[in-house]
Amino acid sequence: MIPTTSYYDIIAKDYNSHMTISDNNIRNYTIKSFKDNIPNGNILDFGGGTGLDLPFLVPDKYKVQFLEPSLNMRAIAKNSLPENISTLSFLEENIDFHNWSETNLPFKEKMNGILANFAVLNCIPDLDCLFEKLSLICAGNCYIHATILDTHPIKMLKTHSMKAALKILLNKKLIRLNKFNGIIQEVYLHPIQKYKSAANEYFNLISYSPIPSSEFALLILLKK
């Protein structure tokens, strides 16, 4: 078992080759919803991986902050686009949200939108801390769009087991293990209610919608 950042450092060079047509459909679905709610402004690509969302974001009316804790994933993202794009910044310091405070933020701008695509939130065990810290960088009416592993009990019953579905129904977190070439990463399957309660002080839960033909759901939150 290794930390999530170390896991992605190791798999970085193989990551893009594992993308599928289904993954592309999920990305298109999420980006369309994101653009519908946030047509312009400052946005944070949170856990941006190898930068696969950047081609959808950079050409539009956004100023993009790119945050990816994995050095190797971030390096691939940097090389995926032409250099010196004035509307794109790669964060290199103060990347760990746990360290953020009113006087210690990674950038001066307030965000109008945050994109957390492909189970970024499932890599984070402490959602209460996450939403508290994200609220510090949000402008009023900032949207968060996050694709998360769908933990609706009916979905869990189809994809996991009766025991897993019951745990989710009882609002208990599950841990799933991702394995790649002998290395293991923990992934956290948070119940829907946990997202709502963890975010409640700072964000309203607008919707939780299963993404068709996938194991993901789209979670949309709005800053209070």
Protein backbone atom coordinates (compact mmCIF):
# COMPACT_ATOMS: atom_id res chain seq x y z
CA MET A 1 0.00 0.00 0.00
CA ILE A 2 1.44 3.36 -1.00
CA PRO A 3 0.20 6.99 -0.79
CA THR A 4 -1.99 8.17 -3.65
CA THR A 5 0.57 10.68 -4.95
CA SER A 6 3.27 7.99 -5.08
CA TYR A 7 0.85 5.64 -6.86
CA TYR A 8 0.22 8.18 -9.62
CA ASP A 9 3.91 9.01 -9.90
CA ILE A 10 4.50 5.34 -10.71
CA ILE A 11 1.64 4.86 -13.18
CA ALA A 12 1.97 8.29 -14.86
CA LYS A 13 3.70 7.11 -18.05
CA ASP A 14 1.00 4.47 -18.65
CA TYR A 15 -2.01 6.52 -17.56
CA ASN A 16 -3.11 8.00 -20.89
CA SER A 17 -2.82 4.69 -22.71
CA HIS A 18 -5.51 3.21 -20.47
CA MET A 19 -8.13 5.80 -21.45
CA THR A 20 -11.13 4.26 -23.25
CA ILE A 21 -14.01 5.45 -25.41
CA SER A 22 -16.19 5.24 -22.30
CA ASP A 23 -13.73 7.51 -20.45
CA ASN A 24 -13.92 10.02 -23.32
CA ASN A 25 -17.72 9.98 -23.09
CA ILE A 26 -17.54 10.62 -19.35
CA ARG A 27 -15.14 13.51 -19.92
CA ASN A 28 -17.38 15.05 -22.58
CA TYR A 29 -20.44 14.69 -20.34
CA THR A 30 -18.70 16.37 -17.41
CA ILE A 31 -17.09 19.18 -19.40
CA LYS A 32 -20.39 20.07 -21.08
CA SER A 33 -22.11 20.38 -17.70
CA PHE A 34 -19.18 22.39 -16.35
CA LYS A 35 -19.27 24.87 -19.25
CA ASP A 36 -23.04 25.21 -19.03
CA ASN A 37 -22.77 26.36 -15.41
CA ILE A 38 -19.47 28.27 -15.65
CA PRO A 39 -19.13 29.97 -19.05
CA ASN A 40 -16.06 32.01 -18.06
CA GLY A 41 -13.89 33.17 -15.15
CA ASN A 42 -11.20 31.71 -12.90
CA ILE A 43 -11.26 27.93 -12.58
CA LEU A 44 -9.24 25.29 -10.77
CA ASP A 45 -8.48 21.96 -12.44
CA PHE A 46 -8.18 20.09 -9.14
CA GLY A 47 -6.29 16.81 -9.38
CA GLY A 48 -5.84 17.46 -13.10
CA GLY A 49 -3.70 14.37 -13.73
CA THR A 50 -1.97 14.36 -17.11
CA GLY A 51 -3.94 17.37 -18.30
CA LEU A 52 -6.52 15.58 -20.41
CA ASP A 53 -9.16 18.20 -19.55
CA LEU A 54 -6.93 21.15 -20.48
CA PRO A 55 -7.65 21.09 -24.25
CA PHE A 56 -11.33 21.59 -23.36
CA LEU A 57 -10.62 24.41 -20.91
CA VAL A 58 -7.70 26.48 -22.19
CA PRO A 59 -9.21 27.63 -25.54
CA ASP A 60 -12.31 28.99 -23.78
CA LYS A 61 -12.89 32.07 -21.67
CA TYR A 62 -11.21 30.73 -18.56
CA LYS A 63 -8.14 31.53 -16.54
CA VAL A 64 -7.02 28.05 -15.42
CA GLN A 65 -5.10 27.08 -12.32
CA PHE A 66 -3.85 23.49 -12.66
CA LEU A 67 -3.26 21.52 -9.46
CA GLU A 68 -1.84 17.99 -9.60
CA PRO A 69 0.13 16.61 -6.62
CA SER A 70 1.91 13.92 -8.66
CA LEU A 71 5.11 15.39 -10.10
CA ASN A 72 5.21 12.86 -12.94
CA MET A 73 1.57 13.36 -13.91
CA ARG A 74 2.06 17.12 -13.79
CA ALA A 75 5.13 16.89 -16.04
CA ILE A 76 3.08 15.08 -18.69
CA ALA A 77 0.36 17.71 -18.44
CA LYS A 78 2.92 20.49 -18.93
CA ASN A 79 4.19 18.83 -22.11
CA SER A 80 0.69 18.29 -23.50
CA LEU A 81 0.17 21.91 -24.54
CA PRO A 82 2.29 24.68 -26.10
CA GLU A 83 4.40 26.63 -23.64
CA ASN A 84 3.60 30.09 -22.28
CA ILE A 85 -0.20 30.00 -22.46
CA SER A 86 -1.07 33.21 -20.61
CA THR A 87 -4.35 31.87 -19.23
CA LEU A 88 -2.86 28.69 -17.73
CA SER A 89 -0.81 28.35 -14.54
CA PHE A 90 0.67 25.11 -13.17
CA LEU A 91 0.84 25.15 -9.39
CA GLU A 92 4.22 23.99 -8.12
CA GLU A 93 4.04 25.07 -4.47
CA ASN A 94 1.46 24.90 -1.67
CA ILE A 95 -0.30 22.07 -3.47
CA ASP A 96 -1.51 20.18 -0.37
CA PHE A 97 -4.91 21.63 0.48
CA HIS A 98 -4.48 20.55 4.12
CA ASN A 99 -2.01 23.43 4.54
CA TRP A 100 -4.27 26.15 3.15
CA SER A 101 -5.55 28.96 5.36
CA GLU A 102 -6.83 32.50 4.91
CA THR A 103 -3.23 33.72 4.93
CA ASN A 104 -1.69 30.77 3.05
CA LEU A 105 -3.44 30.11 -0.25
CA PRO A 106 -1.90 28.84 -3.51
CA PHE A 107 -3.07 31.83 -5.55
CA LYS A 108 -4.64 35.26 -5.05
CA GLU A 109 -7.64 34.88 -7.34
CA LYS A 110 -10.97 33.50 -6.16
CA MET A 111 -12.32 30.66 -8.27
CA ASN A 112 -15.61 30.74 -10.16
CA GLY A 113 -15.48 27.02 -10.80
CA ILE A 114 -13.63 23.88 -9.67
CA LEU A 115 -13.36 20.76 -11.79
CA ALA A 116 -12.38 17.48 -10.09
CA ASN A 117 -12.63 14.84 -12.78
CA PHE A 118 -12.32 11.03 -12.63
CA ALA A 119 -12.60 10.12 -8.95
CA VAL A 120 -10.30 12.77 -7.51
CA LEU A 121 -12.54 13.04 -4.45
CA ASN A 122 -12.40 9.26 -4.04
CA CYS A 123 -8.68 9.61 -3.32
CA ILE A 124 -9.40 11.87 -0.33
CA PRO A 125 -10.49 10.32 2.99
CA ASP A 126 -11.17 13.57 4.88
CA LEU A 127 -13.95 15.27 2.94
CA ASP A 128 -14.78 17.65 5.80
CA CYS A 129 -11.31 19.18 5.61
CA LEU A 130 -11.39 19.24 1.81
CA PHE A 131 -14.57 21.29 1.53
CA GLU A 132 -13.51 23.66 4.30
CA LYS A 133 -10.25 24.37 2.46
CA LEU A 134 -11.86 24.62 -0.99
CA SER A 135 -14.29 27.20 0.37
CA LEU A 136 -11.31 29.49 1.05
CA ILE A 137 -10.50 29.78 -2.66
CA CYS A 138 -14.07 30.13 -3.94
CA ALA A 139 -15.84 33.27 -5.06
CA GLY A 140 -19.52 33.59 -4.30
CA ASN A 141 -21.64 31.16 -6.31
CA CYS A 142 -18.60 29.08 -7.25
CA TYR A 143 -19.55 25.70 -8.70
CA ILE A 144 -17.75 22.42 -8.01
CA HIS A 145 -18.20 19.70 -10.63
CA ALA A 146 -16.77 16.34 -9.56
CA THR A 147 -17.04 12.95 -11.20
CA ILE A 148 -17.09 10.44 -8.37
CA LEU A 149 -17.59 6.71 -8.11
CA ASP A 150 -21.34 6.17 -7.90
CA THR A 151 -22.24 4.80 -4.47
CA HIS A 152 -26.00 4.73 -4.74
CA PRO A 153 -26.98 1.49 -2.93
CA ILE A 154 -28.65 0.05 -6.04
CA LYS A 155 -25.48 0.71 -8.06
CA MET A 156 -23.34 -0.83 -5.31
CA LEU A 157 -25.53 -3.92 -5.31
CA LYS A 158 -24.95 -4.35 -9.04
CA THR A 159 -21.21 -3.70 -9.02
CA HIS A 160 -20.03 -4.89 -5.59
CA SER A 161 -21.95 -6.99 -3.07
CA MET A 162 -24.92 -7.02 -0.73
CA LYS A 163 -22.56 -6.25 2.17
CA ALA A 164 -21.11 -3.23 0.36
CA ALA A 165 -24.59 -1.94 -0.53
CA LEU A 166 -25.70 -2.28 3.10
CA LYS A 167 -22.64 -0.41 4.37
CA ILE A 168 -23.36 2.46 1.97
CA LEU A 169 -27.04 2.40 2.95
CA LEU A 170 -25.93 2.76 6.58
CA ASN A 171 -23.79 5.76 5.54
CA LYS A 172 -20.47 3.99 6.10
CA LYS A 173 -17.37 4.59 3.97
CA LEU A 174 -15.97 1.70 1.96
CA ILE A 175 -12.38 1.25 0.85
CA ARG A 176 -11.55 -0.27 -2.53
CA LEU A 177 -8.05 -1.29 -3.58
CA ASN A 178 -6.65 -0.31 -6.98
CA LYS A 179 -3.82 -2.55 -8.15
CA PHE A 180 -1.29 -1.87 -10.90
CA ASN A 181 1.85 -3.92 -11.50
CA GLY A 182 1.98 -5.05 -7.89
CA ILE A 183 1.35 -1.64 -6.30
CA ILE A 184 -1.82 -0.86 -4.40
CA GLN A 185 -3.75 2.35 -3.80
CA GLU A 186 -6.70 2.88 -1.47
CA VAL A 187 -9.83 4.41 -3.00
CA TYR A 188 -12.61 5.70 -0.75
CA LEU A 189 -16.23 5.03 -1.68
CA HIS A 190 -18.06 7.79 0.17
CA PRO A 191 -21.86 7.57 0.58
CA ILE A 192 -23.90 10.31 -1.07
CA GLN A 193 -24.95 11.62 2.34
CA LYS A 194 -21.30 12.01 3.35
CA TYR A 195 -20.62 14.39 0.48
CA LYS A 196 -23.67 16.40 1.47
CA SER A 197 -22.87 16.57 5.19
CA ALA A 198 -19.15 17.28 4.68
CA ALA A 199 -19.88 20.13 2.28
CA ASN A 200 -22.98 21.49 4.00
CA GLU A 201 -21.39 24.36 5.94
CA TYR A 202 -19.86 25.85 2.80
CA PHE A 203 -21.67 24.42 -0.25
CA ASN A 204 -25.18 23.41 -1.30
CA LEU A 205 -25.50 20.06 -3.04
CA ILE A 206 -27.20 20.90 -6.33
CA SER A 207 -27.32 17.43 -7.86
CA TYR A 208 -25.91 13.91 -7.83
CA SER A 209 -26.52 12.30 -11.21
CA PRO A 210 -25.33 8.90 -12.44
CA ILE A 211 -23.38 9.24 -15.69
CA PRO A 212 -24.92 6.88 -18.27
CA SER A 213 -23.08 3.62 -19.03
CA SER A 214 -20.39 4.20 -16.41
CA GLU A 215 -19.50 3.60 -12.77
CA PHE A 216 -19.41 7.36 -12.15
CA ALA A 217 -21.83 10.00 -10.96
CA LEU A 218 -21.57 13.76 -11.47
CA LEU A 219 -21.66 15.70 -8.19
CA ILE A 220 -22.45 19.41 -8.46
CA LEU A 221 -22.03 21.76 -5.50
CA LEU A 222 -22.56 25.52 -5.24
CA LYS A 223 -20.80 27.84 -2.79
CA LYS A 224 -23.14 29.34 -0.23
